[in-house]
Amino acid sequence: MGKKIYIIILALAVIAGIIIYNNTKMENISIQPVDKEFNSQLEFGIQYYTISGYSDYKSEDLALYIHNYLDQNKNIVKNAKMILFYKDSFFANYKKNMRESARDNEFGGIEGHQDDLVIKVWYDIVDTQLEEHLIIFKNGKIIFEKAK
C-alpha cells in the first residue's frame, strides 16, 4: 500500500509541475507597441506590435494567448481593423517604414520585414457578425490559421 501512495503522490506532483510550468511559460511572452502614438491614432486602421518570448509555444497556445491579450486590451486595440505582431529585434527599425506601409500596402505588412511578421489578426463582418482571423507565420510562411 505504501508503494501505491508513493506513486499517486509522484503522479500528482508531476501533474502539478506541468500545470505550473505551462502557466509560468505563458507569462514570458512580452508584447510592446512599435509606436504607441501611431497605434492610438488608428489613422489607417492598423496597429503594430513587437512580440518576444513566444518561440517555445505551440501555435494553438500562442493563438489563444493573443486572443486573450486582445480581449483583455479592448480599450487599446479599440477599432483596429488589423493588428500585426513582429518579432522583437534590437536591429529592426519597424517604425521607419510603418506609416508608409500602412498607407500603401493593403495587407498592412511593414516593407522589408515580411520574414519578421509573427502574427496577423484582422477583423471583418460576415453575415452581420464580427469575425476575427488570426494567422501565425514562421520565416514568412503560414504555419497556423484560425477564424473565430
N, C-alpha and C. Protein backbone atom coordinates (compact mmCIF):
# COMPACT_ATOMS: atom_id res chain seq x y z
N MET A 1 0.81 -1.19 0.00
CA MET A 1 0.00 0.00 0.00
C MET A 1 0.86 1.27 0.00
N GLY A 2 1.96 1.27 0.69
CA GLY A 2 2.85 2.41 0.73
C GLY A 2 3.39 2.76 -0.64
N LYS A 3 3.65 1.73 -1.45
CA LYS A 3 4.17 1.95 -2.80
C LYS A 3 3.13 2.62 -3.69
N LYS A 4 1.85 2.26 -3.54
CA LYS A 4 0.77 2.86 -4.33
C LYS A 4 0.60 4.33 -3.98
N ILE A 5 0.65 4.64 -2.70
CA ILE A 5 0.52 6.04 -2.27
C ILE A 5 1.68 6.87 -2.82
N TYR A 6 2.88 6.29 -2.78
CA TYR A 6 4.06 6.98 -3.31
C TYR A 6 3.88 7.28 -4.81
N ILE A 7 3.38 6.32 -5.55
CA ILE A 7 3.16 6.50 -6.99
C ILE A 7 2.09 7.57 -7.25
N ILE A 8 1.03 7.54 -6.46
CA ILE A 8 -0.04 8.54 -6.62
C ILE A 8 0.49 9.93 -6.31
N ILE A 9 1.25 10.06 -5.22
CA ILE A 9 1.81 11.36 -4.85
C ILE A 9 2.78 11.85 -5.93
N LEU A 10 3.59 10.95 -6.44
CA LEU A 10 4.53 11.30 -7.51
C LEU A 10 3.79 11.76 -8.76
N ALA A 11 2.73 11.04 -9.13
CA ALA A 11 1.93 11.40 -10.31
C ALA A 11 1.29 12.78 -10.12
N LEU A 12 0.74 13.05 -8.94
CA LEU A 12 0.14 14.36 -8.67
C LEU A 12 1.19 15.46 -8.71
N ALA A 13 2.38 15.18 -8.21
CA ALA A 13 3.46 16.17 -8.24
C ALA A 13 3.86 16.48 -9.68
N VAL A 14 3.93 15.46 -10.52
CA VAL A 14 4.27 15.66 -11.92
C VAL A 14 3.20 16.49 -12.61
N ILE A 15 1.95 16.18 -12.38
CA ILE A 15 0.83 16.93 -12.98
C ILE A 15 0.86 18.39 -12.51
N ALA A 16 1.08 18.59 -11.21
CA ALA A 16 1.16 19.96 -10.67
C ALA A 16 2.33 20.71 -11.30
N GLY A 17 3.45 20.03 -11.48
CA GLY A 17 4.61 20.65 -12.10
C GLY A 17 4.33 21.07 -13.53
N ILE A 18 3.64 20.22 -14.27
CA ILE A 18 3.29 20.54 -15.66
C ILE A 18 2.37 21.76 -15.71
N ILE A 19 1.37 21.79 -14.84
CA ILE A 19 0.44 22.92 -14.80
C ILE A 19 1.18 24.21 -14.45
N ILE A 20 2.03 24.15 -13.45
CA ILE A 20 2.79 25.34 -13.05
C ILE A 20 3.71 25.79 -14.18
N TYR A 21 4.40 24.84 -14.81
CA TYR A 21 5.30 25.18 -15.91
C TYR A 21 4.55 25.85 -17.05
N ASN A 22 3.40 25.29 -17.44
CA ASN A 22 2.63 25.87 -18.54
C ASN A 22 2.13 27.26 -18.19
N ASN A 23 1.72 27.47 -16.95
CA ASN A 23 1.22 28.79 -16.56
C ASN A 23 2.34 29.82 -16.48
N THR A 24 3.50 29.43 -15.98
CA THR A 24 4.60 30.39 -15.93
C THR A 24 5.18 30.62 -17.31
N LYS A 25 5.13 29.62 -18.16
CA LYS A 25 5.63 29.77 -19.53
C LYS A 25 4.83 30.85 -20.25
N MET A 26 3.54 30.92 -20.03
CA MET A 26 2.69 31.90 -20.69
C MET A 26 3.06 33.33 -20.26
N GLU A 27 3.64 33.48 -19.08
CA GLU A 27 3.99 34.80 -18.58
C GLU A 27 5.22 35.36 -19.28
N ASN A 28 5.96 34.56 -19.99
CA ASN A 28 7.20 35.01 -20.61
C ASN A 28 6.98 35.79 -21.90
N ILE A 29 5.80 35.74 -22.45
CA ILE A 29 5.53 36.49 -23.68
C ILE A 29 5.46 37.98 -23.34
N SER A 30 6.12 38.77 -24.17
CA SER A 30 6.10 40.22 -23.99
C SER A 30 5.61 40.86 -25.29
N ILE A 31 4.64 41.74 -25.16
CA ILE A 31 4.08 42.45 -26.32
C ILE A 31 4.21 43.95 -26.04
N GLN A 32 4.81 44.66 -27.01
CA GLN A 32 5.00 46.11 -26.89
C GLN A 32 4.59 46.79 -28.18
N PRO A 33 3.96 47.96 -28.10
CA PRO A 33 3.64 48.68 -29.33
C PRO A 33 4.90 49.16 -30.03
N VAL A 34 4.92 49.11 -31.34
CA VAL A 34 6.05 49.67 -32.08
C VAL A 34 6.06 51.18 -31.88
N ASP A 35 4.86 51.79 -31.92
CA ASP A 35 4.71 53.23 -31.72
C ASP A 35 3.34 53.46 -31.09
N LYS A 36 3.31 53.79 -29.81
CA LYS A 36 2.03 53.98 -29.09
C LYS A 36 1.16 55.04 -29.75
N GLU A 37 1.77 56.15 -30.13
CA GLU A 37 1.00 57.25 -30.72
C GLU A 37 0.36 56.83 -32.04
N PHE A 38 1.14 56.18 -32.89
CA PHE A 38 0.61 55.71 -34.17
C PHE A 38 -0.55 54.74 -33.93
N ASN A 39 -0.37 53.78 -33.02
CA ASN A 39 -1.42 52.80 -32.73
C ASN A 39 -2.68 53.48 -32.21
N SER A 40 -2.53 54.48 -31.36
CA SER A 40 -3.71 55.12 -30.78
C SER A 40 -4.47 55.97 -31.79
N GLN A 41 -3.78 56.48 -32.80
CA GLN A 41 -4.43 57.32 -33.81
C GLN A 41 -5.29 56.50 -34.77
N LEU A 42 -4.95 55.25 -34.99
CA LEU A 42 -5.67 54.37 -35.91
C LEU A 42 -5.92 55.03 -37.27
N GLU A 43 -4.93 55.78 -37.71
CA GLU A 43 -5.05 56.53 -38.96
C GLU A 43 -5.42 55.63 -40.14
N PHE A 44 -4.84 54.45 -40.20
CA PHE A 44 -5.10 53.53 -41.30
C PHE A 44 -5.81 52.26 -40.82
N GLY A 45 -6.25 52.25 -39.56
CA GLY A 45 -6.95 51.08 -39.01
C GLY A 45 -6.02 49.94 -38.65
N ILE A 46 -4.71 50.21 -38.62
CA ILE A 46 -3.72 49.16 -38.36
C ILE A 46 -2.92 49.52 -37.12
N GLN A 47 -2.61 48.51 -36.32
CA GLN A 47 -1.73 48.68 -35.18
C GLN A 47 -0.56 47.70 -35.31
N TYR A 48 0.61 48.15 -34.86
CA TYR A 48 1.82 47.34 -34.95
C TYR A 48 2.41 47.12 -33.55
N TYR A 49 2.79 45.87 -33.28
CA TYR A 49 3.38 45.49 -32.00
C TYR A 49 4.61 44.62 -32.25
N THR A 50 5.48 44.57 -31.25
CA THR A 50 6.56 43.58 -31.26
C THR A 50 6.20 42.53 -30.22
N ILE A 51 6.68 41.32 -30.45
CA ILE A 51 6.40 40.21 -29.54
C ILE A 51 7.68 39.41 -29.34
N SER A 52 7.90 38.99 -28.11
CA SER A 52 9.05 38.15 -27.79
C SER A 52 8.62 37.09 -26.79
N GLY A 53 9.45 36.07 -26.62
CA GLY A 53 9.17 35.02 -25.65
C GLY A 53 8.14 34.01 -26.09
N TYR A 54 7.86 33.92 -27.37
CA TYR A 54 6.80 33.05 -27.88
C TYR A 54 7.33 31.78 -28.54
N SER A 55 8.61 31.69 -28.78
CA SER A 55 9.15 30.65 -29.67
C SER A 55 8.94 29.22 -29.19
N ASP A 56 8.77 29.00 -27.89
CA ASP A 56 8.57 27.64 -27.38
C ASP A 56 7.10 27.22 -27.35
N TYR A 57 6.22 28.08 -27.81
CA TYR A 57 4.79 27.80 -27.74
C TYR A 57 4.30 27.05 -28.97
N LYS A 58 3.36 26.18 -28.75
CA LYS A 58 2.65 25.57 -29.88
C LYS A 58 1.77 26.66 -30.49
N SER A 59 1.50 26.52 -31.77
CA SER A 59 0.70 27.54 -32.47
C SER A 59 -0.65 27.76 -31.81
N GLU A 60 -1.31 26.68 -31.40
CA GLU A 60 -2.63 26.80 -30.77
C GLU A 60 -2.55 27.60 -29.47
N ASP A 61 -1.50 27.36 -28.68
CA ASP A 61 -1.32 28.08 -27.42
C ASP A 61 -1.03 29.55 -27.66
N LEU A 62 -0.21 29.84 -28.66
CA LEU A 62 0.11 31.22 -29.00
C LEU A 62 -1.14 31.95 -29.50
N ALA A 63 -1.94 31.28 -30.32
CA ALA A 63 -3.18 31.87 -30.83
C ALA A 63 -4.12 32.20 -29.66
N LEU A 64 -4.23 31.29 -28.71
CA LEU A 64 -5.08 31.52 -27.53
C LEU A 64 -4.55 32.69 -26.71
N TYR A 65 -3.24 32.75 -26.53
CA TYR A 65 -2.64 33.85 -25.78
C TYR A 65 -2.96 35.19 -26.44
N ILE A 66 -2.79 35.26 -27.76
CA ILE A 66 -3.05 36.51 -28.49
C ILE A 66 -4.53 36.88 -28.40
N HIS A 67 -5.39 35.91 -28.57
CA HIS A 67 -6.83 36.18 -28.46
C HIS A 67 -7.15 36.75 -27.07
N ASN A 68 -6.61 36.13 -26.02
CA ASN A 68 -6.84 36.63 -24.66
C ASN A 68 -6.24 38.01 -24.46
N TYR A 69 -5.05 38.23 -25.02
CA TYR A 69 -4.41 39.54 -24.91
C TYR A 69 -5.29 40.62 -25.54
N LEU A 70 -5.78 40.36 -26.73
CA LEU A 70 -6.63 41.34 -27.42
C LEU A 70 -7.93 41.56 -26.67
N ASP A 71 -8.48 40.49 -26.13
CA ASP A 71 -9.72 40.60 -25.37
C ASP A 71 -9.51 41.43 -24.10
N GLN A 72 -8.39 41.23 -23.43
CA GLN A 72 -8.09 41.97 -22.19
C GLN A 72 -7.69 43.41 -22.46
N ASN A 73 -7.30 43.72 -23.69
CA ASN A 73 -6.84 45.07 -24.03
C ASN A 73 -7.75 45.73 -25.06
N LYS A 74 -9.03 45.47 -24.95
CA LYS A 74 -10.00 46.04 -25.91
C LYS A 74 -9.91 47.55 -25.97
N ASN A 75 -9.64 48.18 -24.83
CA ASN A 75 -9.57 49.65 -24.83
C ASN A 75 -8.36 50.16 -25.60
N ILE A 76 -7.32 49.33 -25.78
CA ILE A 76 -6.13 49.75 -26.52
C ILE A 76 -6.28 49.42 -28.00
N VAL A 77 -6.77 48.23 -28.32
CA VAL A 77 -6.90 47.83 -29.72
C VAL A 77 -8.13 48.46 -30.38
N LYS A 78 -9.03 48.96 -29.56
CA LYS A 78 -10.20 49.72 -30.00
C LYS A 78 -10.83 49.20 -31.27
N ASN A 79 -10.81 50.05 -32.28
CA ASN A 79 -11.46 49.75 -33.55
C ASN A 79 -10.47 49.37 -34.63
N ALA A 80 -9.36 48.80 -34.26
CA ALA A 80 -8.36 48.41 -35.25
C ALA A 80 -8.96 47.35 -36.18
N LYS A 81 -8.71 47.51 -37.45
CA LYS A 81 -9.16 46.51 -38.43
C LYS A 81 -8.12 45.42 -38.60
N MET A 82 -6.84 45.77 -38.28
CA MET A 82 -5.75 44.81 -38.43
C MET A 82 -4.72 45.09 -37.35
N ILE A 83 -4.18 44.01 -36.77
CA ILE A 83 -3.14 44.12 -35.75
C ILE A 83 -2.03 43.16 -36.15
N LEU A 84 -0.82 43.71 -36.25
CA LEU A 84 0.33 42.92 -36.69
C LEU A 84 1.37 42.85 -35.57
N PHE A 85 1.88 41.65 -35.34
CA PHE A 85 2.88 41.41 -34.31
C PHE A 85 4.18 40.97 -35.00
N TYR A 86 5.23 41.73 -34.78
CA TYR A 86 6.53 41.44 -35.38
C TYR A 86 7.51 40.94 -34.32
N LYS A 87 8.43 40.11 -34.78
CA LYS A 87 9.47 39.58 -33.91
C LYS A 87 10.25 40.74 -33.30
N ASP A 88 10.35 40.74 -31.98
CA ASP A 88 11.10 41.78 -31.29
C ASP A 88 12.58 41.62 -31.64
N SER A 89 13.19 42.69 -32.11
CA SER A 89 14.58 42.64 -32.51
C SER A 89 15.23 43.99 -32.26
N PHE A 90 16.39 43.96 -31.66
CA PHE A 90 17.14 45.18 -31.40
C PHE A 90 17.55 45.86 -32.71
N PHE A 91 17.77 45.06 -33.75
CA PHE A 91 18.29 45.58 -35.01
C PHE A 91 17.21 46.06 -35.98
N ALA A 92 15.96 45.64 -35.78
CA ALA A 92 14.89 46.00 -36.70
C ALA A 92 14.34 47.38 -36.36
N ASN A 93 14.18 48.21 -37.38
CA ASN A 93 13.59 49.53 -37.19
C ASN A 93 12.22 49.53 -37.88
N TYR A 94 11.25 48.90 -37.21
CA TYR A 94 9.91 48.79 -37.79
C TYR A 94 9.26 50.15 -37.96
N LYS A 95 9.55 51.06 -37.07
CA LYS A 95 8.92 52.37 -37.08
C LYS A 95 9.25 53.17 -38.35
N LYS A 96 10.42 52.92 -38.90
CA LYS A 96 10.90 53.69 -40.06
C LYS A 96 9.93 53.62 -41.24
N ASN A 97 9.44 52.43 -41.59
CA ASN A 97 8.57 52.26 -42.76
C ASN A 97 7.11 51.97 -42.40
N MET A 98 6.79 52.10 -41.15
CA MET A 98 5.47 51.70 -40.67
C MET A 98 4.33 52.52 -41.30
N ARG A 99 4.43 53.82 -41.24
CA ARG A 99 3.34 54.68 -41.74
C ARG A 99 3.12 54.49 -43.24
N GLU A 100 4.19 54.46 -44.02
CA GLU A 100 4.07 54.28 -45.46
C GLU A 100 3.49 52.91 -45.79
N SER A 101 3.93 51.90 -45.06
CA SER A 101 3.42 50.55 -45.30
C SER A 101 1.94 50.45 -44.98
N ALA A 102 1.52 51.07 -43.89
CA ALA A 102 0.10 51.05 -43.52
C ALA A 102 -0.74 51.75 -44.58
N ARG A 103 -0.21 52.82 -45.13
CA ARG A 103 -0.93 53.60 -46.14
C ARG A 103 -0.95 52.89 -47.49
N ASP A 104 0.18 52.33 -47.91
CA ASP A 104 0.34 51.84 -49.27
C ASP A 104 0.10 50.35 -49.46
N ASN A 105 0.19 49.58 -48.41
CA ASN A 105 0.11 48.13 -48.52
C ASN A 105 -1.24 47.65 -48.00
N GLU A 106 -2.06 47.08 -48.86
CA GLU A 106 -3.40 46.66 -48.43
C GLU A 106 -3.36 45.57 -47.36
N PHE A 107 -2.24 44.86 -47.27
CA PHE A 107 -2.11 43.81 -46.26
C PHE A 107 -1.47 44.34 -44.99
N GLY A 108 -1.02 45.60 -44.99
CA GLY A 108 -0.53 46.24 -43.80
C GLY A 108 0.88 45.89 -43.38
N GLY A 109 1.50 44.91 -44.03
CA GLY A 109 2.84 44.48 -43.63
C GLY A 109 3.87 45.57 -43.81
N ILE A 110 4.84 45.62 -42.90
CA ILE A 110 5.89 46.63 -42.96
C ILE A 110 6.91 46.20 -44.02
N GLU A 111 7.12 47.08 -44.97
CA GLU A 111 8.03 46.81 -46.09
C GLU A 111 9.42 46.44 -45.57
N GLY A 112 9.96 45.35 -46.11
CA GLY A 112 11.29 44.90 -45.76
C GLY A 112 11.36 44.00 -44.53
N HIS A 113 10.22 43.76 -43.89
CA HIS A 113 10.21 42.95 -42.67
C HIS A 113 9.21 41.79 -42.75
N GLN A 114 8.96 41.30 -43.95
CA GLN A 114 7.98 40.24 -44.14
C GLN A 114 8.33 38.99 -43.32
N ASP A 115 9.61 38.64 -43.26
CA ASP A 115 10.02 37.43 -42.53
C ASP A 115 9.98 37.62 -41.02
N ASP A 116 9.83 38.86 -40.55
CA ASP A 116 9.76 39.13 -39.11
C ASP A 116 8.32 39.12 -38.59
N LEU A 117 7.36 39.06 -39.50
CA LEU A 117 5.96 39.03 -39.08
C LEU A 117 5.66 37.70 -38.41
N VAL A 118 5.14 37.75 -37.19
CA VAL A 118 4.84 36.54 -36.42
C VAL A 118 3.34 36.25 -36.45
N ILE A 119 2.53 37.30 -36.22
CA ILE A 119 1.08 37.10 -36.12
C ILE A 119 0.35 38.25 -36.81
N LYS A 120 -0.68 37.90 -37.53
CA LYS A 120 -1.55 38.89 -38.17
C LYS A 120 -2.98 38.59 -37.73
N VAL A 121 -3.64 39.61 -37.21
CA VAL A 121 -5.04 39.49 -36.81
C VAL A 121 -5.81 40.56 -37.56
N TRP A 122 -6.92 40.18 -38.15
CA TRP A 122 -7.77 41.19 -38.77
C TRP A 122 -9.23 40.80 -38.54
N TYR A 123 -10.07 41.81 -38.68
CA TYR A 123 -11.50 41.66 -38.41
C TYR A 123 -12.29 42.01 -39.65
N ASP A 124 -13.37 41.27 -39.87
CA ASP A 124 -14.32 41.64 -40.91
C ASP A 124 -15.71 41.20 -40.49
N ILE A 125 -16.69 41.69 -41.21
CA ILE A 125 -18.09 41.38 -40.91
C ILE A 125 -18.54 40.26 -41.85
N VAL A 126 -19.05 39.19 -41.26
CA VAL A 126 -19.59 38.06 -42.02
C VAL A 126 -21.01 37.82 -41.51
N ASP A 127 -21.98 38.01 -42.41
CA ASP A 127 -23.40 37.84 -42.03
C ASP A 127 -23.74 38.62 -40.76
N THR A 128 -23.39 39.88 -40.73
CA THR A 128 -23.62 40.81 -39.62
C THR A 128 -22.90 40.44 -38.33
N GLN A 129 -22.00 39.49 -38.37
CA GLN A 129 -21.22 39.09 -37.19
C GLN A 129 -19.76 39.52 -37.40
N LEU A 130 -19.15 40.06 -36.34
CA LEU A 130 -17.73 40.40 -36.40
C LEU A 130 -16.92 39.11 -36.30
N GLU A 131 -16.04 38.90 -37.26
CA GLU A 131 -15.23 37.68 -37.29
C GLU A 131 -13.76 38.05 -37.16
N GLU A 132 -13.06 37.32 -36.27
CA GLU A 132 -11.63 37.54 -36.06
C GLU A 132 -10.85 36.48 -36.81
N HIS A 133 -9.87 36.91 -37.57
CA HIS A 133 -8.98 36.00 -38.30
C HIS A 133 -7.58 36.14 -37.70
N LEU A 134 -6.93 35.02 -37.48
CA LEU A 134 -5.59 35.03 -36.91
C LEU A 134 -4.70 34.09 -37.71
N ILE A 135 -3.54 34.59 -38.10
CA ILE A 135 -2.56 33.78 -38.83
C ILE A 135 -1.23 33.88 -38.10
N ILE A 136 -0.56 32.75 -37.93
CA ILE A 136 0.77 32.72 -37.34
C ILE A 136 1.75 32.35 -38.45
N PHE A 137 2.84 33.10 -38.51
CA PHE A 137 3.87 32.90 -39.53
C PHE A 137 5.18 32.44 -38.89
N LYS A 138 5.95 31.73 -39.67
CA LYS A 138 7.33 31.40 -39.29
C LYS A 138 8.17 31.55 -40.54
N ASN A 139 9.15 32.46 -40.47
CA ASN A 139 10.03 32.74 -41.61
C ASN A 139 9.24 33.09 -42.88
N GLY A 140 8.19 33.88 -42.71
CA GLY A 140 7.41 34.35 -43.85
C GLY A 140 6.38 33.36 -44.38
N LYS A 141 6.27 32.20 -43.77
CA LYS A 141 5.30 31.19 -44.22
C LYS A 141 4.23 30.95 -43.18
N ILE A 142 3.00 30.74 -43.64
CA ILE A 142 1.89 30.49 -42.73
C ILE A 142 2.05 29.11 -42.11
N ILE A 143 1.97 29.06 -40.77
CA ILE A 143 2.02 27.76 -40.09
C ILE A 143 0.73 27.48 -39.31
N PHE A 144 -0.16 28.49 -39.20
CA PHE A 144 -1.40 28.28 -38.45
C PHE A 144 -2.40 29.35 -38.88
N GLU A 145 -3.66 28.94 -39.05
CA GLU A 145 -4.75 29.87 -39.39
C GLU A 145 -5.96 29.53 -38.57
N LYS A 146 -6.67 30.57 -38.14
CA LYS A 146 -7.89 30.34 -37.37
C LYS A 146 -8.83 31.53 -37.57
N ALA A 147 -10.10 31.23 -37.77
CA ALA A 147 -11.13 32.25 -37.82
C ALA A 147 -12.08 32.00 -36.69
N LYS A 148 -12.47 33.07 -36.02
CA LYS A 148 -13.34 32.92 -34.85
C LYS A 148 -14.48 33.88 -34.93
